[in-house]
């Protein structure tokens, strides 16, 4: 377990639901990954790199709703600028995306 944080620390994290609208291969990444374009509704369109190639095919990701942190600073990964961090459960080298059980409005807050 990591160090204990306060509730105020937790409230700084902005987790939102978005829908993946585009998926591309990312051959420049150190580890196999996809480049995702995600629609967060009123928050707009954001991009992310995700190492999820072992469990997901590109076509299976299109229109999938996911959970992501949207208030990290942008991060450059190779020649790609990531705007958000997609959330997933890590099991060895596999990452299972976190997603709502039913569709919700893009941009919905996760708390």
C-alpha atoms as a PDB file:
ATOM      1  CA  UNK A   1       0.000   0.000   0.000  1.00  0.00           C
ATOM      2  CA  UNK A   2       1.178   3.504  -0.744  1.00  0.00           C
ATOM      3  CA  UNK A   3       1.389   6.301   1.798  1.00  0.00           C
ATOM      4  CA  UNK A   4      -1.830   7.572   3.339  1.00  0.00           C
ATOM      5  CA  UNK A   5      -3.272  10.722   1.791  1.00  0.00           C
ATOM      6  CA  UNK A   6      -5.877  13.114   3.093  1.00  0.00           C
ATOM      7  CA  UNK A   7      -9.391  13.461   1.752  1.00  0.00           C
ATOM      8  CA  UNK A   8      -8.339  16.892   0.460  1.00  0.00           C
ATOM      9  CA  UNK A   9      -5.553  15.194  -1.559  1.00  0.00           C
ATOM     10  CA  UNK A  10      -8.111  12.841  -3.080  1.00  0.00           C
ATOM     11  CA  UNK A  11     -10.491  15.678  -4.013  1.00  0.00           C
ATOM     12  CA  UNK A  12      -7.770  17.164  -6.250  1.00  0.00           C
ATOM     13  CA  UNK A  13      -7.969  14.160  -8.586  1.00  0.00           C
ATOM     14  CA  UNK A  14     -10.425  14.759 -11.436  1.00  0.00           C
ATOM     15  CA  UNK A  15     -11.649  11.380 -12.697  1.00  0.00           C
ATOM     16  CA  UNK A  16     -14.112  11.508 -15.591  1.00  0.00           C
ATOM     17  CA  UNK A  17     -15.851   9.150 -17.986  1.00  0.00           C
ATOM     18  CA  UNK A  18     -15.117   9.496 -21.676  1.00  0.00           C
ATOM     19  CA  UNK A  19     -15.765   7.568 -24.879  1.00  0.00           C
ATOM     20  CA  UNK A  20     -12.891   6.383 -27.063  1.00  0.00           C
ATOM     21  CA  UNK A  21     -13.525   7.766 -30.554  1.00  0.00           C
ATOM     22  CA  UNK A  22     -10.218   6.912 -32.259  1.00  0.00           C
ATOM     23  CA  UNK A  23      -7.501   4.284 -31.732  1.00  0.00           C
ATOM     24  CA  UNK A  24      -4.124   4.201 -33.468  1.00  0.00           C
ATOM     25  CA  UNK A  25      -1.035   2.037 -33.171  1.00  0.00           C
ATOM     26  CA  UNK A  26       1.889   3.685 -31.373  1.00  0.00           C
ATOM     27  CA  UNK A  27       5.053   2.065 -32.796  1.00  0.00           C
ATOM     28  CA  UNK A  28       7.351   4.741 -31.266  1.00  0.00           C
ATOM     29  CA  UNK A  29       6.364   3.800 -27.685  1.00  0.00           C
ATOM     30  CA  UNK A  30       8.932   1.864 -25.598  1.00  0.00           C
ATOM     31  CA  UNK A  31       6.282  -0.720 -24.688  1.00  0.00           C
ATOM     32  CA  UNK A  32       3.418  -1.787 -26.977  1.00  0.00           C
ATOM     33  CA  UNK A  33       0.674   0.851 -26.727  1.00  0.00           C
ATOM     34  CA  UNK A  34      -2.188   2.545 -28.501  1.00  0.00           C
ATOM     35  CA  UNK A  35      -2.832   6.241 -29.019  1.00  0.00           C
ATOM     36  CA  UNK A  36      -6.386   6.972 -27.884  1.00  0.00           C
ATOM     37  CA  UNK A  37      -8.596   9.942 -28.697  1.00  0.00           C
ATOM     38  CA  UNK A  38     -11.311  10.300 -26.062  1.00  0.00           C
ATOM     39  CA  UNK A  39     -14.463  12.430 -25.994  1.00  0.00           C
ATOM     40  CA  UNK A  40     -15.103  13.903 -22.535  1.00  0.00           C
ATOM     41  CA  UNK A  41     -18.230  15.842 -23.481  1.00  0.00           C
ATOM     42  CA  UNK A  42     -18.112  19.432 -22.147  1.00  0.00           C
ATOM     43  CA  UNK A  43     -14.406  18.969 -21.294  1.00  0.00           C
ATOM     44  CA  UNK A  44     -13.632  18.360 -24.966  1.00  0.00           C
ATOM     45  CA  UNK A  45     -11.472  15.827 -26.772  1.00  0.00           C
ATOM     46  CA  UNK A  46      -8.310  14.551 -25.066  1.00  0.00           C
ATOM     47  CA  UNK A  47      -5.579  12.125 -26.093  1.00  0.00           C
ATOM     48  CA  UNK A  48      -3.804   9.427 -24.132  1.00  0.00           C
ATOM     49  CA  UNK A  49      -1.273   6.673 -24.664  1.00  0.00           C
ATOM     50  CA  UNK A  50      -2.265   3.351 -23.126  1.00  0.00           C
ATOM     51  CA  UNK A  51      -0.344   0.088 -22.784  1.00  0.00           C
ATOM     52  CA  UNK A  52      -3.420  -2.076 -23.278  1.00  0.00           C
ATOM     53  CA  UNK A  53      -2.494  -4.036 -26.402  1.00  0.00           C
ATOM     54  CA  UNK A  54      -2.394  -7.459 -24.698  1.00  0.00           C
ATOM     55  CA  UNK A  55      -6.105  -7.471 -23.819  1.00  0.00           C
ATOM     56  CA  UNK A  56      -7.692  -5.145 -26.387  1.00  0.00           C
ATOM     57  CA  UNK A  57      -7.883  -4.970 -30.166  1.00  0.00           C
ATOM     58  CA  UNK A  58      -8.276  -1.529 -31.705  1.00  0.00           C
ATOM     59  CA  UNK A  59     -11.743  -2.270 -33.034  1.00  0.00           C
ATOM     60  CA  UNK A  60     -12.925  -3.429 -29.578  1.00  0.00           C
ATOM     61  CA  UNK A  61     -11.927  -0.075 -28.053  1.00  0.00           C
ATOM     62  CA  UNK A  62     -13.926   2.161 -30.390  1.00  0.00           C
ATOM     63  CA  UNK A  63     -16.970   3.629 -28.615  1.00  0.00           C
ATOM     64  CA  UNK A  64     -15.914   2.076 -25.289  1.00  0.00           C
ATOM     65  CA  UNK A  65     -16.440   4.269 -22.247  1.00  0.00           C
ATOM     66  CA  UNK A  66     -13.472   4.500 -19.893  1.00  0.00           C
ATOM     67  CA  UNK A  67     -12.386   6.327 -16.741  1.00  0.00           C
ATOM     68  CA  UNK A  68      -9.455   8.756 -16.910  1.00  0.00           C
ATOM     69  CA  UNK A  69      -7.739  11.397 -14.819  1.00  0.00           C
ATOM     70  CA  UNK A  70      -8.134  14.635 -16.763  1.00  0.00           C
ATOM     71  CA  UNK A  71      -6.230  17.114 -14.592  1.00  0.00           C
ATOM     72  CA  UNK A  72      -2.647  15.870 -14.833  1.00  0.00           C
ATOM     73  CA  UNK A  73      -0.278  18.124 -16.776  1.00  0.00           C
ATOM     74  CA  UNK A  74       0.322  17.127 -20.395  1.00  0.00           C
ATOM     75  CA  UNK A  75       3.080  14.560 -20.878  1.00  0.00           C
ATOM     76  CA  UNK A  76       5.097  13.932 -24.007  1.00  0.00           C
ATOM     77  CA  UNK A  77       5.587  10.270 -24.869  1.00  0.00           C
ATOM     78  CA  UNK A  78       7.882   9.943 -27.900  1.00  0.00           C
ATOM     79  CA  UNK A  79       6.313  12.332 -30.453  1.00  0.00           C
ATOM     80  CA  UNK A  80       2.856  12.075 -28.860  1.00  0.00           C
ATOM     81  CA  UNK A  81       1.369  14.513 -26.323  1.00  0.00           C
ATOM     82  CA  UNK A  82      -0.857  12.836 -23.728  1.00  0.00           C
ATOM     83  CA  UNK A  83      -3.617  15.004 -22.171  1.00  0.00           C
ATOM     84  CA  UNK A  84      -5.035  12.521 -19.676  1.00  0.00           C
ATOM     85  CA  UNK A  85      -4.293   9.245 -17.904  1.00  0.00           C
ATOM     86  CA  UNK A  86      -6.588   6.307 -18.609  1.00  0.00           C
ATOM     87  CA  UNK A  87      -7.317   4.226 -15.485  1.00  0.00           C
ATOM     88  CA  UNK A  88      -6.894   0.468 -15.426  1.00  0.00           C
ATOM     89  CA  UNK A  89      -6.348  -2.457 -13.105  1.00  0.00           C
ATOM     90  CA  UNK A  90      -2.887  -3.962 -13.570  1.00  0.00           C
ATOM     91  CA  UNK A  91      -2.481  -7.732 -13.535  1.00  0.00           C
ATOM     92  CA  UNK A  92       1.118  -8.570 -14.395  1.00  0.00           C
ATOM     93  CA  UNK A  93       1.662  -7.062 -17.857  1.00  0.00           C
ATOM     94  CA  UNK A  94      -2.050  -6.870 -18.615  1.00  0.00           C
ATOM     95  CA  UNK A  95      -4.096  -3.724 -17.986  1.00  0.00           C
ATOM     96  CA  UNK A  96      -7.902  -4.006 -17.746  1.00  0.00           C
ATOM     97  CA  UNK A  97      -9.571  -0.656 -18.398  1.00  0.00           C
ATOM     98  CA  UNK A  98     -11.919   0.739 -15.774  1.00  0.00           C
ATOM     99  CA  UNK A  99     -15.310   1.593 -17.236  1.00  0.00           C
ATOM    100  CA  UNK A 100     -18.877   2.190 -16.064  1.00  0.00           C
ATOM    101  CA  UNK A 101     -21.274  -0.776 -16.161  1.00  0.00           C
ATOM    102  CA  UNK A 102     -23.729   1.179 -18.318  1.00  0.00           C
ATOM    103  CA  UNK A 103     -23.235   4.182 -20.583  1.00  0.00           C
ATOM    104  CA  UNK A 104     -23.227   7.563 -18.885  1.00  0.00           C
ATOM    105  CA  UNK A 105     -22.851  11.111 -20.179  1.00  0.00           C
ATOM    106  CA  UNK A 106     -19.298  11.829 -21.388  1.00  0.00           C
ATOM    107  CA  UNK A 107     -17.539  14.011 -18.830  1.00  0.00           C
ATOM    108  CA  UNK A 108     -19.420  12.504 -15.882  1.00  0.00           C
ATOM    109  CA  UNK A 109     -17.499  12.795 -12.609  1.00  0.00           C
ATOM    110  CA  UNK A 110     -16.206   9.622 -10.964  1.00  0.00           C
ATOM    111  CA  UNK A 111     -16.184   9.867  -7.177  1.00  0.00           C
END
